[in-house]
Structures are given as structure tokens and as C-alpha cells.
Amino acid sequence: MSKRIRSRKPTHPGQIVKMDVLEPLNLSVTEAAKVLNVSRKHLSAFVNERIPCSKDMAKRLAIALGTSVDVWLGMQNALDIWEMENSNDECYQAVGKLATG
């Protein structure tokens, strides 16, 4: 099985909300936070890519936007995987193999 190499960093789900929902609908973070029943501070951190998409936020977005939880968590998972595969953390250099393959 070949490993799929993704060269471009996946888009943060918060950027999708900002660009595809808030801006086209001319909604402020404050207004959208009220609809999602979260704090303005929390939504701001999310749409400005300072925090990941949690399961809770994914559920709220799915309800508010008529999508699925899987859409939002899938975007976050793709981003998390890309970041891990492209990190050079020294703590992983000492990890050995448990199985041959």
C-alpha cells in the first residue's frame, strides 16, 4: 500500500467558516457565536485558527449549517495528520520499530 503524500497544508475548518459562512452572510463573530451558543471569544479563536475544531464545535456547526459532524472533524483530522507528518519534533527520532514491514 503506497503512502499518499499531501504537499499542501489542509485548510483549517475555522477558515472555512470564516470565508464560506461569516463573510458571505455578512455575519460578525458575535452574531454567529450567539447562533452557535458559544462565547464570542471561543468562536473568534476558532475562525482565526488558534484552536482546533472540537467534537462540540463540529456538532454545533453541523446543526447550524445543515452539514454532518464528519465534515468538520474530517477537515480537522486531515490538518492534524498533515501537521504531525510535517513536524520534525526531536522526541520522535528515538522511536524504534516494534514490527517489521
C-alpha atoms as a PDB file:
ATOM      1  CA  MET A   1       0.000   0.000   0.000  1.00  0.00           C
ATOM      2  CA  SER A   2       1.532   3.307  -1.034  1.00  0.00           C
ATOM      3  CA  LYS A   3       1.606   6.293   1.265  1.00  0.00           C
ATOM      4  CA  ARG A   4      -0.292   9.319  -0.021  1.00  0.00           C
ATOM      5  CA  ILE A   5       1.829  12.466   0.140  1.00  0.00           C
ATOM      6  CA  ARG A   6      -0.033  15.711   0.634  1.00  0.00           C
ATOM      7  CA  SER A   7       2.152  18.697  -0.206  1.00  0.00           C
ATOM      8  CA  ARG A   8      -0.324  21.468   0.598  1.00  0.00           C
ATOM      9  CA  LYS A   9      -1.366  22.069   4.179  1.00  0.00           C
ATOM     10  CA  PRO A  10      -5.102  21.358   4.571  1.00  0.00           C
ATOM     11  CA  THR A  11      -7.361  24.294   5.324  1.00  0.00           C
ATOM     12  CA  HIS A  12      -8.305  24.841   8.953  1.00  0.00           C
ATOM     13  CA  PRO A  13     -12.068  24.326   9.417  1.00  0.00           C
ATOM     14  CA  GLY A  14     -12.280  27.727  11.118  1.00  0.00           C
ATOM     15  CA  GLN A  15     -11.077  29.391   7.934  1.00  0.00           C
ATOM     16  CA  ILE A  16     -13.857  27.618   6.034  1.00  0.00           C
ATOM     17  CA  VAL A  17     -16.430  29.018   8.477  1.00  0.00           C
ATOM     18  CA  LYS A  18     -14.927  32.484   8.178  1.00  0.00           C
ATOM     19  CA  MET A  19     -14.614  32.545   4.374  1.00  0.00           C
ATOM     20  CA  ASP A  20     -17.664  30.492   3.346  1.00  0.00           C
ATOM     21  CA  VAL A  21     -20.171  31.392   6.054  1.00  0.00           C
ATOM     22  CA  LEU A  22     -19.432  34.554   8.021  1.00  0.00           C
ATOM     23  CA  GLU A  23     -18.139  36.731   5.190  1.00  0.00           C
ATOM     24  CA  PRO A  24     -20.772  35.838   2.539  1.00  0.00           C
ATOM     25  CA  LEU A  25     -23.586  36.244   5.075  1.00  0.00           C
ATOM     26  CA  ASN A  26     -22.016  39.420   6.460  1.00  0.00           C
ATOM     27  CA  LEU A  27     -22.194  37.916   9.955  1.00  0.00           C
ATOM     28  CA  SER A  28     -19.982  39.117  12.766  1.00  0.00           C
ATOM     29  CA  VAL A  29     -18.267  36.658  15.072  1.00  0.00           C
ATOM     30  CA  THR A  30     -20.524  37.954  17.854  1.00  0.00           C
ATOM     31  CA  GLU A  31     -23.696  37.253  15.863  1.00  0.00           C
ATOM     32  CA  ALA A  32     -22.547  33.802  14.795  1.00  0.00           C
ATOM     33  CA  ALA A  33     -21.454  32.949  18.341  1.00  0.00           C
ATOM     34  CA  LYS A  34     -24.981  33.680  19.560  1.00  0.00           C
ATOM     35  CA  VAL A  35     -26.452  31.349  16.929  1.00  0.00           C
ATOM     36  CA  LEU A  36     -23.964  28.605  17.841  1.00  0.00           C
ATOM     37  CA  ASN A  37     -24.467  29.259  21.566  1.00  0.00           C
ATOM     38  CA  VAL A  38     -20.728  29.660  22.229  1.00  0.00           C
ATOM     39  CA  SER A  39     -18.752  32.604  23.514  1.00  0.00           C
ATOM     40  CA  ARG A  40     -17.528  35.239  21.078  1.00  0.00           C
ATOM     41  CA  LYS A  41     -14.008  34.631  22.362  1.00  0.00           C
ATOM     42  CA  HIS A  42     -14.226  30.899  21.600  1.00  0.00           C
ATOM     43  CA  LEU A  43     -15.595  31.375  18.080  1.00  0.00           C
ATOM     44  CA  SER A  44     -13.018  34.073  17.376  1.00  0.00           C
ATOM     45  CA  ALA A  45     -10.207  31.727  18.404  1.00  0.00           C
ATOM     46  CA  PHE A  46     -11.658  29.038  16.130  1.00  0.00           C
ATOM     47  CA  VAL A  47     -12.184  31.148  12.998  1.00  0.00           C
ATOM     48  CA  ASN A  48      -8.752  32.729  13.471  1.00  0.00           C
ATOM     49  CA  GLU A  49      -7.185  29.256  13.598  1.00  0.00           C
ATOM     50  CA  ARG A  50      -5.894  29.477  17.165  1.00  0.00           C
ATOM     51  CA  ILE A  51      -7.829  26.409  18.352  1.00  0.00           C
ATOM     52  CA  PRO A  52      -8.848  23.178  16.585  1.00  0.00           C
ATOM     53  CA  CYS A  53     -12.359  22.077  15.729  1.00  0.00           C
ATOM     54  CA  SER A  54     -13.562  20.128  18.756  1.00  0.00           C
ATOM     55  CA  LYS A  55     -16.281  17.488  18.664  1.00  0.00           C
ATOM     56  CA  ASP A  56     -18.570  20.012  20.355  1.00  0.00           C
ATOM     57  CA  MET A  57     -17.919  22.706  17.744  1.00  0.00           C
ATOM     58  CA  ALA A  58     -18.327  20.170  14.929  1.00  0.00           C
ATOM     59  CA  LYS A  59     -21.775  19.225  16.270  1.00  0.00           C
ATOM     60  CA  ARG A  60     -22.813  22.884  16.604  1.00  0.00           C
ATOM     61  CA  LEU A  61     -21.647  23.677  13.066  1.00  0.00           C
ATOM     62  CA  ALA A  62     -23.382  20.591  11.682  1.00  0.00           C
ATOM     63  CA  ILE A  63     -26.681  21.650  13.248  1.00  0.00           C
ATOM     64  CA  ALA A  64     -26.378  25.316  12.271  1.00  0.00           C
ATOM     65  CA  LEU A  65     -25.198  24.700   8.714  1.00  0.00           C
ATOM     66  CA  GLY A  66     -27.073  21.521   7.827  1.00  0.00           C
ATOM     67  CA  THR A  67     -23.888  19.502   7.354  1.00  0.00           C
ATOM     68  CA  SER A  68     -22.533  16.467   9.157  1.00  0.00           C
ATOM     69  CA  VAL A  69     -20.222  16.274  12.136  1.00  0.00           C
ATOM     70  CA  ASP A  70     -17.958  14.130   9.952  1.00  0.00           C
ATOM     71  CA  VAL A  71     -17.304  17.037   7.571  1.00  0.00           C
ATOM     72  CA  TRP A  72     -15.832  19.226  10.304  1.00  0.00           C
ATOM     73  CA  LEU A  73     -13.953  16.522  12.169  1.00  0.00           C
ATOM     74  CA  GLY A  74     -12.611  15.169   8.880  1.00  0.00           C
ATOM     75  CA  MET A  75     -11.165  18.575   7.995  1.00  0.00           C
ATOM     76  CA  GLN A  76      -9.592  18.867  11.434  1.00  0.00           C
ATOM     77  CA  ASN A  77      -8.220  15.319  11.256  1.00  0.00           C
ATOM     78  CA  ALA A  78      -6.627  15.973   7.847  1.00  0.00           C
ATOM     79  CA  LEU A  79      -4.984  19.116   9.232  1.00  0.00           C
ATOM     80  CA  ASP A  80      -3.773  17.317  12.373  1.00  0.00           C
ATOM     81  CA  ILE A  81      -2.278  14.484  10.322  1.00  0.00           C
ATOM     82  CA  TRP A  82      -0.524  16.884   7.943  1.00  0.00           C
ATOM     83  CA  GLU A  83       0.944  18.844  10.854  1.00  0.00           C
ATOM     84  CA  MET A  84       2.237  15.667  12.521  1.00  0.00           C
ATOM     85  CA  GLU A  85       3.694  14.263   9.303  1.00  0.00           C
ATOM     86  CA  ASN A  86       5.427  17.563   8.619  1.00  0.00           C
ATOM     87  CA  SER A  87       6.786  18.136  12.116  1.00  0.00           C
ATOM     88  CA  ASN A  88      10.397  17.484  12.963  1.00  0.00           C
ATOM     89  CA  ASP A  89       9.972  17.047  16.695  1.00  0.00           C
ATOM     90  CA  GLU A  90      13.144  15.588  18.172  1.00  0.00           C
ATOM     91  CA  CYS A  91      11.169  13.452  20.629  1.00  0.00           C
ATOM     92  CA  TYR A  92      10.175  11.111  17.760  1.00  0.00           C
ATOM     93  CA  GLN A  93      13.708  10.498  16.486  1.00  0.00           C
ATOM     94  CA  ALA A  94      14.389   7.979  19.258  1.00  0.00           C
ATOM     95  CA  VAL A  95      11.294   5.885  18.495  1.00  0.00           C
ATOM     96  CA  GLY A  96      12.168   2.435  17.201  1.00  0.00           C
ATOM     97  CA  LYS A  97      10.246  -0.218  15.298  1.00  0.00           C
ATOM     98  CA  LEU A  98       8.031  -2.791  17.041  1.00  0.00           C
ATOM     99  CA  ALA A  99       7.303  -4.827  13.926  1.00  0.00           C
ATOM    100  CA  THR A 100       8.976  -5.500  10.609  1.00  0.00           C
ATOM    101  CA  GLY A 101       7.338  -4.350   7.477  1.00  0.00           C
END
